[in-house]
Amino acid sequence: MSGYEVRNYAQGDGLHTEQIQGGATVARYQLVYVDATGRWVEADADAVATMPVLGLATQPIVLGQKGRVLIQGFANYNVWTWAPGGILYADTVTGDLTQVAPAGAGDVIQEVGVAISATLIYFDGAGLGRSGSGGTFLGDVDIFGTLTVDTINEHTLNAGVTIEGVILENGGITIPTLTATRVPFAGVGGLLEDDADMTFITDTLTVTNVDITNTLTVDTINEYTADAGVTVEGVLMENSAFTINSENQAGEILEPVTLPIGDGHMIRVRYTGFAPDRCVQWIYDLTNTTWHGVELL
């Protein structure tokens, strides 16, 4: 390597630390991470809990004692047989290096170095493993602050990306708490929810109850339940006819009358309870689409 002299091959050459105790016995040239007690333990890419790699032990570390750990730099070990130029990863075999990225469920892929020759490597656990295409995690990752990113792509083909239970896939959004065909709306706190009383299938919106505080403007109103007709303010309209229930002064319903709508059709409604009783004859004018009422004595 022109312009760079690697000194002390066996102990590594670069940034070291001897300030951290071993949380277990660590063999020489094993990858280590800092555990929850703040001590060195051999790393294992099988799970996030035993990662990420921060150093390479260049001397054996005894439980409870401080040891020499390479943080960034070069190391040489004459039993290594690396492919020069190949990326080095943390292995799923505890403490080991590998040039094959882990691929099991829950495995963590962390780049920790590059092979310079069969026996010489450049190691940079914290830096290399979090730059470029490195730092790929197959398991869980806890981010305690804010994740700032331009693009998030699915890792497993056709699985989409799930964020707080919401599945984003192929330009669509799936919310498991919502029911298919129901119309979502903003509920309490602005959270999306739905109700069985409001559905949309193909081109039809079905709503069980609608409160309209002003004017309903519509071209056609069809019955929802077969043979039930449409009732507007007590007037039942069904099969081109309508039924009127007349009431007396006391509010008692008299005999209902049903008739088709046609020119000259008439209805007589007798109001009782008056002195004297009155009878009103209503005649429908098809031309002017109006009813004319004449009181009959």
C-alpha atoms as a PDB file:
ATOM      1  CA  MET A   1       0.000   0.000   0.000  1.00  0.00           C
ATOM      2  CA  SER A   2       1.905   3.000  -1.254  1.00  0.00           C
ATOM      3  CA  GLY A   3       2.037   5.969   1.136  1.00  0.00           C
ATOM      4  CA  TYR A   4       0.750   4.117   4.209  1.00  0.00           C
ATOM      5  CA  GLU A   5       2.743   1.951   6.567  1.00  0.00           C
ATOM      6  CA  VAL A   6       0.828  -0.467   8.758  1.00  0.00           C
ATOM      7  CA  ARG A   7       2.628  -0.922  12.042  1.00  0.00           C
ATOM      8  CA  ASN A   8       2.151  -3.637  14.657  1.00  0.00           C
ATOM      9  CA  TYR A   9       0.036  -5.951  12.478  1.00  0.00           C
ATOM     10  CA  ALA A  10      -0.900  -8.246  15.334  1.00  0.00           C
ATOM     11  CA  GLN A  11      -2.236  -5.465  17.576  1.00  0.00           C
ATOM     12  CA  GLY A  12      -3.847  -3.467  14.784  1.00  0.00           C
ATOM     13  CA  ASP A  13      -2.970   0.022  13.646  1.00  0.00           C
ATOM     14  CA  GLY A  14      -5.373   2.902  14.183  1.00  0.00           C
ATOM     15  CA  LEU A  15      -7.741   4.208  16.828  1.00  0.00           C
ATOM     16  CA  HIS A  16      -7.876   1.973  19.901  1.00  0.00           C
ATOM     17  CA  THR A  17      -9.435   2.144  23.346  1.00  0.00           C
ATOM     18  CA  GLU A  18      -8.517   0.369  26.579  1.00  0.00           C
ATOM     19  CA  GLN A  19     -11.047   2.151  28.781  1.00  0.00           C
ATOM     20  CA  ILE A  20     -13.951  -0.320  28.719  1.00  0.00           C
ATOM     21  CA  GLN A  21     -14.208  -3.519  30.743  1.00  0.00           C
ATOM     22  CA  GLY A  22     -15.247  -6.870  29.378  1.00  0.00           C
ATOM     23  CA  GLY A  23     -18.778  -7.985  30.188  1.00  0.00           C
ATOM     24  CA  ALA A  24     -17.722 -11.521  29.305  1.00  0.00           C
ATOM     25  CA  THR A  25     -14.635 -13.307  28.067  1.00  0.00           C
ATOM     26  CA  VAL A  26     -13.865 -12.094  24.545  1.00  0.00           C
ATOM     27  CA  ALA A  27     -11.442 -13.899  22.247  1.00  0.00           C
ATOM     28  CA  ARG A  28      -8.878 -12.092  20.113  1.00  0.00           C
ATOM     29  CA  TYR A  29     -10.120 -10.735  16.761  1.00  0.00           C
ATOM     30  CA  GLN A  30     -13.759 -10.966  17.806  1.00  0.00           C
ATOM     31  CA  LEU A  31     -16.295  -8.226  17.081  1.00  0.00           C
ATOM     32  CA  VAL A  32     -17.719  -6.489  20.151  1.00  0.00           C
ATOM     33  CA  TYR A  33     -20.596  -4.191  21.086  1.00  0.00           C
ATOM     34  CA  VAL A  34     -21.372  -2.320  24.296  1.00  0.00           C
ATOM     35  CA  ASP A  35     -24.093  -4.010  26.356  1.00  0.00           C
ATOM     36  CA  ALA A  36     -26.636  -2.456  28.739  1.00  0.00           C
ATOM     37  CA  THR A  37     -24.037  -2.449  31.565  1.00  0.00           C
ATOM     38  CA  GLY A  38     -21.570  -0.431  29.455  1.00  0.00           C
ATOM     39  CA  ARG A  39     -19.131  -3.305  28.904  1.00  0.00           C
ATOM     40  CA  TRP A  40     -17.709  -5.112  25.886  1.00  0.00           C
ATOM     41  CA  VAL A  41     -19.536  -8.276  24.790  1.00  0.00           C
ATOM     42  CA  GLU A  42     -19.136 -10.284  21.586  1.00  0.00           C
ATOM     43  CA  ALA A  43     -21.524  -9.064  18.886  1.00  0.00           C
ATOM     44  CA  ASP A  44     -24.043 -11.306  17.160  1.00  0.00           C
ATOM     45  CA  ALA A  45     -25.921 -10.293  14.000  1.00  0.00           C
ATOM     46  CA  ASP A  46     -28.772 -12.661  14.905  1.00  0.00           C
ATOM     47  CA  ALA A  47     -30.594  -9.862  16.752  1.00  0.00           C
ATOM     48  CA  VAL A  48     -30.667  -6.110  17.254  1.00  0.00           C
ATOM     49  CA  ALA A  49     -30.164  -6.660  21.001  1.00  0.00           C
ATOM     50  CA  THR A  50     -26.565  -7.870  20.409  1.00  0.00           C
ATOM     51  CA  MET A  51     -25.656  -5.157  17.921  1.00  0.00           C
ATOM     52  CA  PRO A  52     -24.309  -2.826  16.581  1.00  0.00           C
ATOM     53  CA  VAL A  53     -20.613  -3.613  16.312  1.00  0.00           C
ATOM     54  CA  LEU A  54     -18.389  -0.861  17.702  1.00  0.00           C
ATOM     55  CA  GLY A  55     -14.988  -2.512  17.874  1.00  0.00           C
ATOM     56  CA  LEU A  56     -12.649  -5.422  17.116  1.00  0.00           C
ATOM     57  CA  ALA A  57     -10.796  -6.967  20.049  1.00  0.00           C
ATOM     58  CA  THR A  58      -7.100  -7.152  19.142  1.00  0.00           C
ATOM     59  CA  GLN A  59      -6.245  -8.782  22.468  1.00  0.00           C
ATOM     60  CA  PRO A  60      -8.212 -11.281  24.564  1.00  0.00           C
ATOM     61  CA  ILE A  61     -10.519  -9.569  27.074  1.00  0.00           C
ATOM     62  CA  VAL A  62     -11.207 -11.102  30.477  1.00  0.00           C
ATOM     63  CA  LEU A  63     -14.512 -10.654  32.275  1.00  0.00           C
ATOM     64  CA  GLY A  64     -14.375  -7.556  34.456  1.00  0.00           C
ATOM     65  CA  GLN A  65     -11.044  -6.370  33.063  1.00  0.00           C
ATOM     66  CA  LYS A  66     -10.208  -3.766  30.473  1.00  0.00           C
ATOM     67  CA  GLY A  67      -8.973  -4.853  27.081  1.00  0.00           C
ATOM     68  CA  ARG A  68      -7.534  -3.377  23.899  1.00  0.00           C
ATOM     69  CA  VAL A  69     -10.172  -2.802  21.197  1.00  0.00           C
ATOM     70  CA  LEU A  70      -9.660  -1.417  17.691  1.00  0.00           C
ATOM     71  CA  ILE A  71     -12.314   1.220  16.907  1.00  0.00           C
ATOM     72  CA  GLN A  72     -11.045   2.244  13.463  1.00  0.00           C
ATOM     73  CA  GLY A  73      -7.973   1.194  11.531  1.00  0.00           C
ATOM     74  CA  PHE A  74      -6.119  -1.816  10.135  1.00  0.00           C
ATOM     75  CA  ALA A  75      -5.693  -5.298  11.522  1.00  0.00           C
ATOM     76  CA  ASN A  76      -3.836  -8.354  10.261  1.00  0.00           C
ATOM     77  CA  TYR A  77      -4.383 -11.970  11.212  1.00  0.00           C
ATOM     78  CA  ASN A  78      -2.462 -14.661   9.351  1.00  0.00           C
ATOM     79  CA  VAL A  79      -5.244 -17.246   9.528  1.00  0.00           C
ATOM     80  CA  TRP A  80      -7.763 -15.034   7.683  1.00  0.00           C
ATOM     81  CA  THR A  81      -8.492 -15.863   4.033  1.00  0.00           C
ATOM     82  CA  TRP A  82     -10.550 -12.900   2.855  1.00  0.00           C
ATOM     83  CA  ALA A  83     -11.297 -11.998  -0.754  1.00  0.00           C
ATOM     84  CA  PRO A  84      -9.456  -8.686  -1.307  1.00  0.00           C
ATOM     85  CA  GLY A  85     -11.814  -5.750  -1.887  1.00  0.00           C
ATOM     86  CA  GLY A  86     -14.776  -7.592  -0.393  1.00  0.00           C
ATOM     87  CA  ILE A  87     -17.033  -6.027   2.246  1.00  0.00           C
ATOM     88  CA  LEU A  88     -16.842  -7.479   5.757  1.00  0.00           C
ATOM     89  CA  TYR A  89     -20.019  -7.943   7.824  1.00  0.00           C
ATOM     90  CA  ALA A  90     -20.862  -8.903  11.368  1.00  0.00           C
ATOM     91  CA  ASP A  91     -21.695 -12.616  11.346  1.00  0.00           C
ATOM     92  CA  THR A  92     -24.544 -14.532  12.966  1.00  0.00           C
ATOM     93  CA  VAL A  93     -21.821 -16.657  14.543  1.00  0.00           C
ATOM     94  CA  THR A  94     -21.074 -14.765  17.750  1.00  0.00           C
ATOM     95  CA  GLY A  95     -18.086 -12.432  17.419  1.00  0.00           C
ATOM     96  CA  ASP A  96     -17.124 -13.507  13.893  1.00  0.00           C
ATOM     97  CA  LEU A  97     -16.517 -11.562  10.697  1.00  0.00           C
ATOM     98  CA  THR A  98     -17.927 -12.715   7.363  1.00  0.00           C
ATOM     99  CA  GLN A  99     -18.020 -11.614   3.737  1.00  0.00           C
ATOM    100  CA  VAL A 100     -21.569 -12.964   3.305  1.00  0.00           C
ATOM    101  CA  ALA A 101     -24.326 -10.631   4.470  1.00  0.00           C
ATOM    102  CA  PRO A 102     -26.736 -12.273   6.940  1.00  0.00           C
ATOM    103  CA  ALA A 103     -30.136 -13.046   5.408  1.00  0.00           C
ATOM    104  CA  GLY A 104     -32.185 -14.687   8.138  1.00  0.00           C
ATOM    105  CA  ALA A 105     -35.359 -13.324   9.699  1.00  0.00           C
ATOM    106  CA  GLY A 106     -34.443 -10.806  12.389  1.00  0.00           C
ATOM    107  CA  ASP A 107     -30.783 -10.654  11.305  1.00  0.00           C
ATOM    108  CA  VAL A 108     -28.933  -7.346  11.263  1.00  0.00           C
ATOM    109  CA  ILE A 109     -26.764  -6.463   8.278  1.00  0.00           C
ATOM    110  CA  GLN A 110     -23.890  -4.200   9.304  1.00  0.00           C
ATOM    111  CA  GLU A 111     -20.823  -3.491   7.176  1.00  0.00           C
ATOM    112  CA  VAL A 112     -17.779  -3.294   9.438  1.00  0.00           C
ATOM    113  CA  GLY A 113     -14.814  -3.267   7.087  1.00  0.00           C
ATOM    114  CA  VAL A 114     -13.111  -4.065   3.803  1.00  0.00           C
ATOM    115  CA  ALA A 115     -10.550  -6.768   3.066  1.00  0.00           C
ATOM    116  CA  ILE A 116      -7.292  -5.261   1.809  1.00  0.00           C
ATOM    117  CA  SER A 117      -5.666  -8.668   1.298  1.00  0.00           C
ATOM    118  CA  ALA A 118      -6.362 -12.219   2.403  1.00  0.00           C
ATOM    119  CA  THR A 119      -5.082 -11.441   5.917  1.00  0.00           C
ATOM    120  CA  LEU A 120      -5.259  -7.616   6.217  1.00  0.00           C
ATOM    121  CA  ILE A 121      -8.482  -5.663   6.754  1.00  0.00           C
ATOM    122  CA  TYR A 122      -9.562  -2.083   7.214  1.00  0.00           C
ATOM    123  CA  PHE A 123     -12.020  -1.983  10.128  1.00  0.00           C
ATOM    124  CA  ASP A 124     -14.536   0.766  10.877  1.00  0.00           C
ATOM    125  CA  GLY A 125     -17.501  -0.606  12.798  1.00  0.00           C
ATOM    126  CA  ALA A 126     -19.358   2.582  13.642  1.00  0.00           C
ATOM    127  CA  GLY A 127     -18.519   4.546  10.496  1.00  0.00           C
ATOM    128  CA  LEU A 128     -18.597   2.095   7.584  1.00  0.00           C
ATOM    129  CA  GLY A 129     -21.611   0.239   8.939  1.00  0.00           C
ATOM    130  CA  ARG A 130     -23.790   3.371   8.850  1.00  0.00           C
ATOM    131  CA  SER A 131     -22.833   4.928   5.536  1.00  0.00           C
ATOM    132  CA  GLY A 132     -23.613   4.330   1.904  1.00  0.00           C
ATOM    133  CA  SER A 133     -25.506   1.127   1.374  1.00  0.00           C
ATOM    134  CA  GLY A 134     -24.569  -0.227   4.806  1.00  0.00           C
ATOM    135  CA  GLY A 135     -26.629  -0.358   7.946  1.00  0.00           C
ATOM    136  CA  THR A 136     -29.402  -2.553   6.536  1.00  0.00           C
ATOM    137  CA  PHE A 137     -31.508  -4.084   9.295  1.00  0.00           C
ATOM    138  CA  LEU A 138     -33.719  -7.143   8.835  1.00  0.00           C
ATOM    139  CA  GLY A 139     -35.034  -7.046  12.372  1.00  0.00           C
ATOM    140  CA  ASP A 140     -36.389  -4.276  14.590  1.00  0.00           C
ATOM    141  CA  VAL A 141     -34.755  -0.867  14.872  1.00  0.00           C
ATOM    142  CA  ASP A 142     -35.570   1.510  17.725  1.00  0.00           C
ATOM    143  CA  ILE A 143     -35.255   5.202  16.853  1.00  0.00           C
ATOM    144  CA  PHE A 144     -35.834   7.383  19.881  1.00  0.00           C
ATOM    145  CA  GLY A 145     -35.770  10.674  17.987  1.00  0.00           C
ATOM    146  CA  THR A 146     -36.962  11.659  14.525  1.00  0.00           C
ATOM    147  CA  LEU A 147     -36.330   9.647  11.378  1.00  0.00           C
ATOM    148  CA  THR A 148     -35.548  11.988   8.492  1.00  0.00           C
ATOM    149  CA  VAL A 149     -35.538  10.258   5.120  1.00  0.00           C
ATOM    150  CA  ASP A 150     -36.397  10.925   1.484  1.00  0.00           C
ATOM    151  CA  THR A 151     -37.655   7.472   0.545  1.00  0.00           C
ATOM    152  CA  ILE A 152     -38.699   4.318   2.383  1.00  0.00           C
ATOM    153  CA  ASN A 153     -38.913   1.168   0.255  1.00  0.00           C
ATOM    154  CA  GLU A 154     -40.298  -2.219   1.234  1.00  0.00           C
ATOM    155  CA  HIS A 155     -37.696  -4.823   2.186  1.00  0.00           C
ATOM    156  CA  THR A 156     -39.814  -7.885   1.430  1.00  0.00           C
ATOM    157  CA  LEU A 157     -41.312  -7.991  -2.069  1.00  0.00           C
ATOM    158  CA  ASN A 158     -45.048  -7.194  -2.141  1.00  0.00           C
ATOM    159  CA  ALA A 159     -45.147  -6.728   1.630  1.00  0.00           C
ATOM    160  CA  GLY A 160     -45.336  -2.936   1.585  1.00  0.00           C
ATOM    161  CA  VAL A 161     -44.169  -0.715   4.424  1.00  0.00           C
ATOM    162  CA  THR A 162     -46.088  -0.626   7.709  1.00  0.00           C
ATOM    163  CA  ILE A 163     -46.049   2.563   9.788  1.00  0.00           C
ATOM    164  CA  GLU A 164     -48.021   2.493  13.043  1.00  0.00           C
ATOM    165  CA  GLY A 165     -50.279  -0.248  11.712  1.00  0.00           C
ATOM    166  CA  VAL A 166     -50.927   1.514   8.396  1.00  0.00           C
ATOM    167  CA  ILE A 167     -49.741  -0.459   5.349  1.00  0.00           C
ATOM    168  CA  LEU A 168     -48.434   1.541   2.378  1.00  0.00           C
ATOM    169  CA  GLU A 169     -48.063  -0.561  -0.755  1.00  0.00           C
ATOM    170  CA  ASN A 170     -48.083   0.054  -4.519  1.00  0.00           C
ATOM    171  CA  GLY A 171     -49.448   3.582  -4.172  1.00  0.00           C
ATOM    172  CA  GLY A 172     -52.266   2.459  -1.865  1.00  0.00           C
ATOM    173  CA  ILE A 173     -52.976   2.710   1.858  1.00  0.00           C
ATOM    174  CA  THR A 174     -54.444  -0.094   3.972  1.00  0.00           C
ATOM    175  CA  ILE A 175     -55.703   0.654   7.478  1.00  0.00           C
ATOM    176  CA  PRO A 176     -56.515  -2.634   9.257  1.00  0.00           C
ATOM    177  CA  THR A 177     -58.935  -0.944  11.655  1.00  0.00           C
ATOM    178  CA  LEU A 178     -61.206   0.063   8.755  1.00  0.00           C
ATOM    179  CA  THR A 179     -63.705  -2.283   7.076  1.00  0.00           C
ATOM    180  CA  ALA A 180     -63.822  -2.852   3.317  1.00  0.00           C
ATOM    181  CA  THR A 181     -66.610  -0.979   1.416  1.00  0.00           C
ATOM    182  CA  ARG A 182     -67.308   1.339   4.351  1.00  0.00           C
ATOM    183  CA  VAL A 183     -66.724   5.067   3.860  1.00  0.00           C
ATOM    184  CA  PRO A 184     -64.023   6.404   6.217  1.00  0.00           C
ATOM    185  CA  PHE A 185     -64.482   9.702   8.023  1.00  0.00           C
ATOM    186  CA  ALA A 186     -62.600  11.767  10.569  1.00  0.00           C
ATOM    187  CA  GLY A 187     -63.799  10.767  14.016  1.00  0.00           C
ATOM    188  CA  VAL A 188     -62.779  11.860  17.491  1.00  0.00           C
ATOM    189  CA  GLY A 189     -59.393  13.535  17.466  1.00  0.00           C
ATOM    190  CA  GLY A 190     -59.314  13.477  13.674  1.00  0.00           C
ATOM    191  CA  LEU A 191     -58.680   9.731  13.580  1.00  0.00           C
ATOM    192  CA  LEU A 192     -60.062   7.807  10.624  1.00  0.00           C
ATOM    193  CA  GLU A 193     -62.939   5.456  11.418  1.00  0.00           C
ATOM    194  CA  ASP A 194     -65.961   3.986   9.660  1.00  0.00           C
ATOM    195  CA  ASP A 195     -69.538   2.857  10.329  1.00  0.00           C
ATOM    196  CA  ALA A 196     -71.807   0.176   8.900  1.00  0.00           C
ATOM    197  CA  ASP A 197     -74.413   2.863   8.138  1.00  0.00           C
ATOM    198  CA  MET A 198     -72.330   4.335   5.302  1.00  0.00           C
ATOM    199  CA  THR A 199     -70.920   2.123   2.516  1.00  0.00           C
ATOM    200  CA  PHE A 200     -69.734   2.574  -1.066  1.00  0.00           C
ATOM    201  CA  ILE A 201     -69.777  -0.316  -3.525  1.00  0.00           C
ATOM    202  CA  THR A 202     -69.010   0.167  -7.235  1.00  0.00           C
ATOM    203  CA  ASP A 203     -70.872   3.418  -8.026  1.00  0.00           C
ATOM    204  CA  THR A 204     -73.391   3.353  -5.189  1.00  0.00           C
ATOM    205  CA  LEU A 205     -73.149   5.228  -1.906  1.00  0.00           C
ATOM    206  CA  THR A 206     -75.501   3.777   0.715  1.00  0.00           C
ATOM    207  CA  VAL A 207     -76.295   5.800   3.842  1.00  0.00           C
ATOM    208  CA  THR A 208     -78.768   4.651   6.476  1.00  0.00           C
ATOM    209  CA  ASN A 209     -79.604   8.068   7.921  1.00  0.00           C
ATOM    210  CA  VAL A 210     -78.843  11.528   6.572  1.00  0.00           C
ATOM    211  CA  ASP A 211     -79.622  14.829   8.315  1.00  0.00           C
ATOM    212  CA  ILE A 212     -79.872  17.750   5.872  1.00  0.00           C
ATOM    213  CA  THR A 213     -80.291  21.072   7.624  1.00  0.00           C
ATOM    214  CA  ASN A 214     -81.054  23.059   4.471  1.00  0.00           C
ATOM    215  CA  THR A 215     -82.349  22.063   1.030  1.00  0.00           C
ATOM    216  CA  LEU A 216     -81.901  18.735  -0.714  1.00  0.00           C
ATOM    217  CA  THR A 217     -81.516  19.229  -4.471  1.00  0.00           C
ATOM    218  CA  VAL A 218     -81.863  16.021  -6.441  1.00  0.00           C
ATOM    219  CA  ASP A 219     -83.245  14.782  -9.767  1.00  0.00           C
ATOM    220  CA  THR A 220     -84.528  11.397  -8.645  1.00  0.00           C
ATOM    221  CA  ILE A 221     -85.250   9.660  -5.359  1.00  0.00           C
ATOM    222  CA  ASN A 222     -85.682   5.886  -5.500  1.00  0.00           C
ATOM    223  CA  GLU A 223     -86.842   3.578  -2.748  1.00  0.00           C
ATOM    224  CA  TYR A 224     -84.066   1.742  -0.898  1.00  0.00           C
ATOM    225  CA  THR A 225     -86.151  -1.209   0.292  1.00  0.00           C
ATOM    226  CA  ALA A 226     -88.099  -2.987  -2.457  1.00  0.00           C
ATOM    227  CA  ASP A 227     -91.855  -2.251  -2.417  1.00  0.00           C
ATOM    228  CA  ALA A 228     -91.470   0.123   0.531  1.00  0.00           C
ATOM    229  CA  GLY A 229     -91.749   3.355  -1.459  1.00  0.00           C
ATOM    230  CA  VAL A 230     -90.399   6.711  -0.343  1.00  0.00           C
ATOM    231  CA  THR A 231     -91.980   8.666   2.509  1.00  0.00           C
ATOM    232  CA  VAL A 232     -91.649  12.463   2.616  1.00  0.00           C
ATOM    233  CA  GLU A 233     -93.304  14.223   5.560  1.00  0.00           C
ATOM    234  CA  GLY A 234     -95.821  11.462   6.007  1.00  0.00           C
ATOM    235  CA  VAL A 235     -96.712  11.191   2.325  1.00  0.00           C
ATOM    236  CA  LEU A 236     -95.890   7.736   0.972  1.00  0.00           C
ATOM    237  CA  MET A 237     -94.951   7.658  -2.718  1.00  0.00           C
ATOM    238  CA  GLU A 238     -94.819   4.269  -4.343  1.00  0.00           C
ATOM    239  CA  ASN A 239     -95.288   2.816  -7.850  1.00  0.00           C
ATOM    240  CA  SER A 240     -96.384   6.167  -9.378  1.00  0.00           C
ATOM    241  CA  ALA A 241     -98.977   6.723  -6.631  1.00  0.00           C
ATOM    242  CA  PHE A 242     -99.019   8.278  -3.211  1.00  0.00           C
ATOM    243  CA  THR A 243    -100.827   7.811   0.077  1.00  0.00           C
ATOM    244  CA  ILE A 244    -102.015  10.697   2.246  1.00  0.00           C
ATOM    245  CA  ASN A 245    -102.994  10.317   5.866  1.00  0.00           C
ATOM    246  CA  SER A 246    -105.359  13.142   6.854  1.00  0.00           C
ATOM    247  CA  GLU A 247    -105.653  14.236  10.439  1.00  0.00           C
ATOM    248  CA  ASN A 248    -108.431  15.907  12.397  1.00  0.00           C
ATOM    249  CA  GLN A 249    -108.063  18.852  14.685  1.00  0.00           C
ATOM    250  CA  ALA A 250    -107.068  16.551  17.518  1.00  0.00           C
ATOM    251  CA  GLY A 251    -104.342  15.010  15.406  1.00  0.00           C
ATOM    252  CA  GLU A 252    -106.187  11.741  14.909  1.00  0.00           C
ATOM    253  CA  ILE A 253    -105.429  10.036  11.595  1.00  0.00           C
ATOM    254  CA  LEU A 254    -108.483   9.506   9.420  1.00  0.00           C
ATOM    255  CA  GLU A 255    -108.833   6.986   6.629  1.00  0.00           C
ATOM    256  CA  PRO A 256    -105.729   7.071   4.395  1.00  0.00           C
ATOM    257  CA  VAL A 257    -106.342   7.565   0.685  1.00  0.00           C
ATOM    258  CA  THR A 258    -104.056   6.282  -2.092  1.00  0.00           C
ATOM    259  CA  LEU A 259    -104.337   7.476  -5.662  1.00  0.00           C
ATOM    260  CA  PRO A 260    -102.185   7.650  -8.791  1.00  0.00           C
ATOM    261  CA  ILE A 261    -100.911  11.008  -9.961  1.00  0.00           C
ATOM    262  CA  GLY A 262    -102.712  11.931 -13.158  1.00  0.00           C
ATOM    263  CA  ASP A 263    -104.576  14.852 -14.705  1.00  0.00           C
ATOM    264  CA  GLY A 264    -107.944  15.347 -13.085  1.00  0.00           C
ATOM    265  CA  HIS A 265    -107.403  12.861 -10.307  1.00  0.00           C
ATOM    266  CA  MET A 266    -108.916  14.053  -7.112  1.00  0.00           C
ATOM    267  CA  ILE A 267    -108.904  13.284  -3.443  1.00  0.00           C
ATOM    268  CA  ARG A 268    -111.461  14.216  -0.869  1.00  0.00           C
ATOM    269  CA  VAL A 269    -110.336  14.627   2.720  1.00  0.00           C
ATOM    270  CA  ARG A 270    -112.905  15.146   5.442  1.00  0.00           C
ATOM    271  CA  TYR A 271    -111.764  17.038   8.506  1.00  0.00           C
ATOM    272  CA  THR A 272    -113.830  16.261  11.616  1.00  0.00           C
ATOM    273  CA  GLY A 273    -113.803  17.947  14.930  1.00  0.00           C
ATOM    274  CA  PHE A 274    -114.811  21.274  13.505  1.00  0.00           C
ATOM    275  CA  ALA A 275    -118.218  22.913  13.834  1.00  0.00           C
ATOM    276  CA  PRO A 276    -119.491  22.075  11.334  1.00  0.00           C
ATOM    277  CA  ASP A 277    -117.384  19.278   9.833  1.00  0.00           C
ATOM    278  CA  ARG A 278    -115.696  20.282   6.625  1.00  0.00           C
ATOM    279  CA  CYS A 279    -114.787  18.344   3.506  1.00  0.00           C
ATOM    280  CA  VAL A 280    -112.110  19.520   1.093  1.00  0.00           C
ATOM    281  CA  GLN A 281    -111.834  18.162  -2.436  1.00  0.00           C
ATOM    282  CA  TRP A 282    -108.363  18.271  -3.953  1.00  0.00           C
ATOM    283  CA  ILE A 283    -107.997  18.046  -7.734  1.00  0.00           C
ATOM    284  CA  TYR A 284    -104.639  17.424  -9.395  1.00  0.00           C
ATOM    285  CA  ASP A 285    -103.738  19.553 -12.444  1.00  0.00           C
ATOM    286  CA  LEU A 286    -101.208  17.531 -14.469  1.00  0.00           C
ATOM    287  CA  THR A 287    -100.413  20.473 -16.753  1.00  0.00           C
ATOM    288  CA  ASN A 288     -99.438  22.765 -13.935  1.00  0.00           C
ATOM    289  CA  THR A 289     -98.451  19.889 -11.610  1.00  0.00           C
ATOM    290  CA  THR A 290    -100.462  21.412  -8.773  1.00  0.00           C
ATOM    291  CA  TRP A 291    -103.318  20.450  -6.522  1.00  0.00           C
ATOM    292  CA  HIS A 292    -106.352  22.691  -6.166  1.00  0.00           C
ATOM    293  CA  GLY A 293    -108.425  22.457  -3.038  1.00  0.00           C
ATOM    294  CA  VAL A 294    -112.107  23.326  -2.900  1.00  0.00           C
ATOM    295  CA  GLU A 295    -114.014  23.206   0.343  1.00  0.00           C
ATOM    296  CA  LEU A 296    -117.282  21.322   0.052  1.00  0.00           C
ATOM    297  CA  LEU A 297    -120.138  22.387   2.265  1.00  0.00           C
END
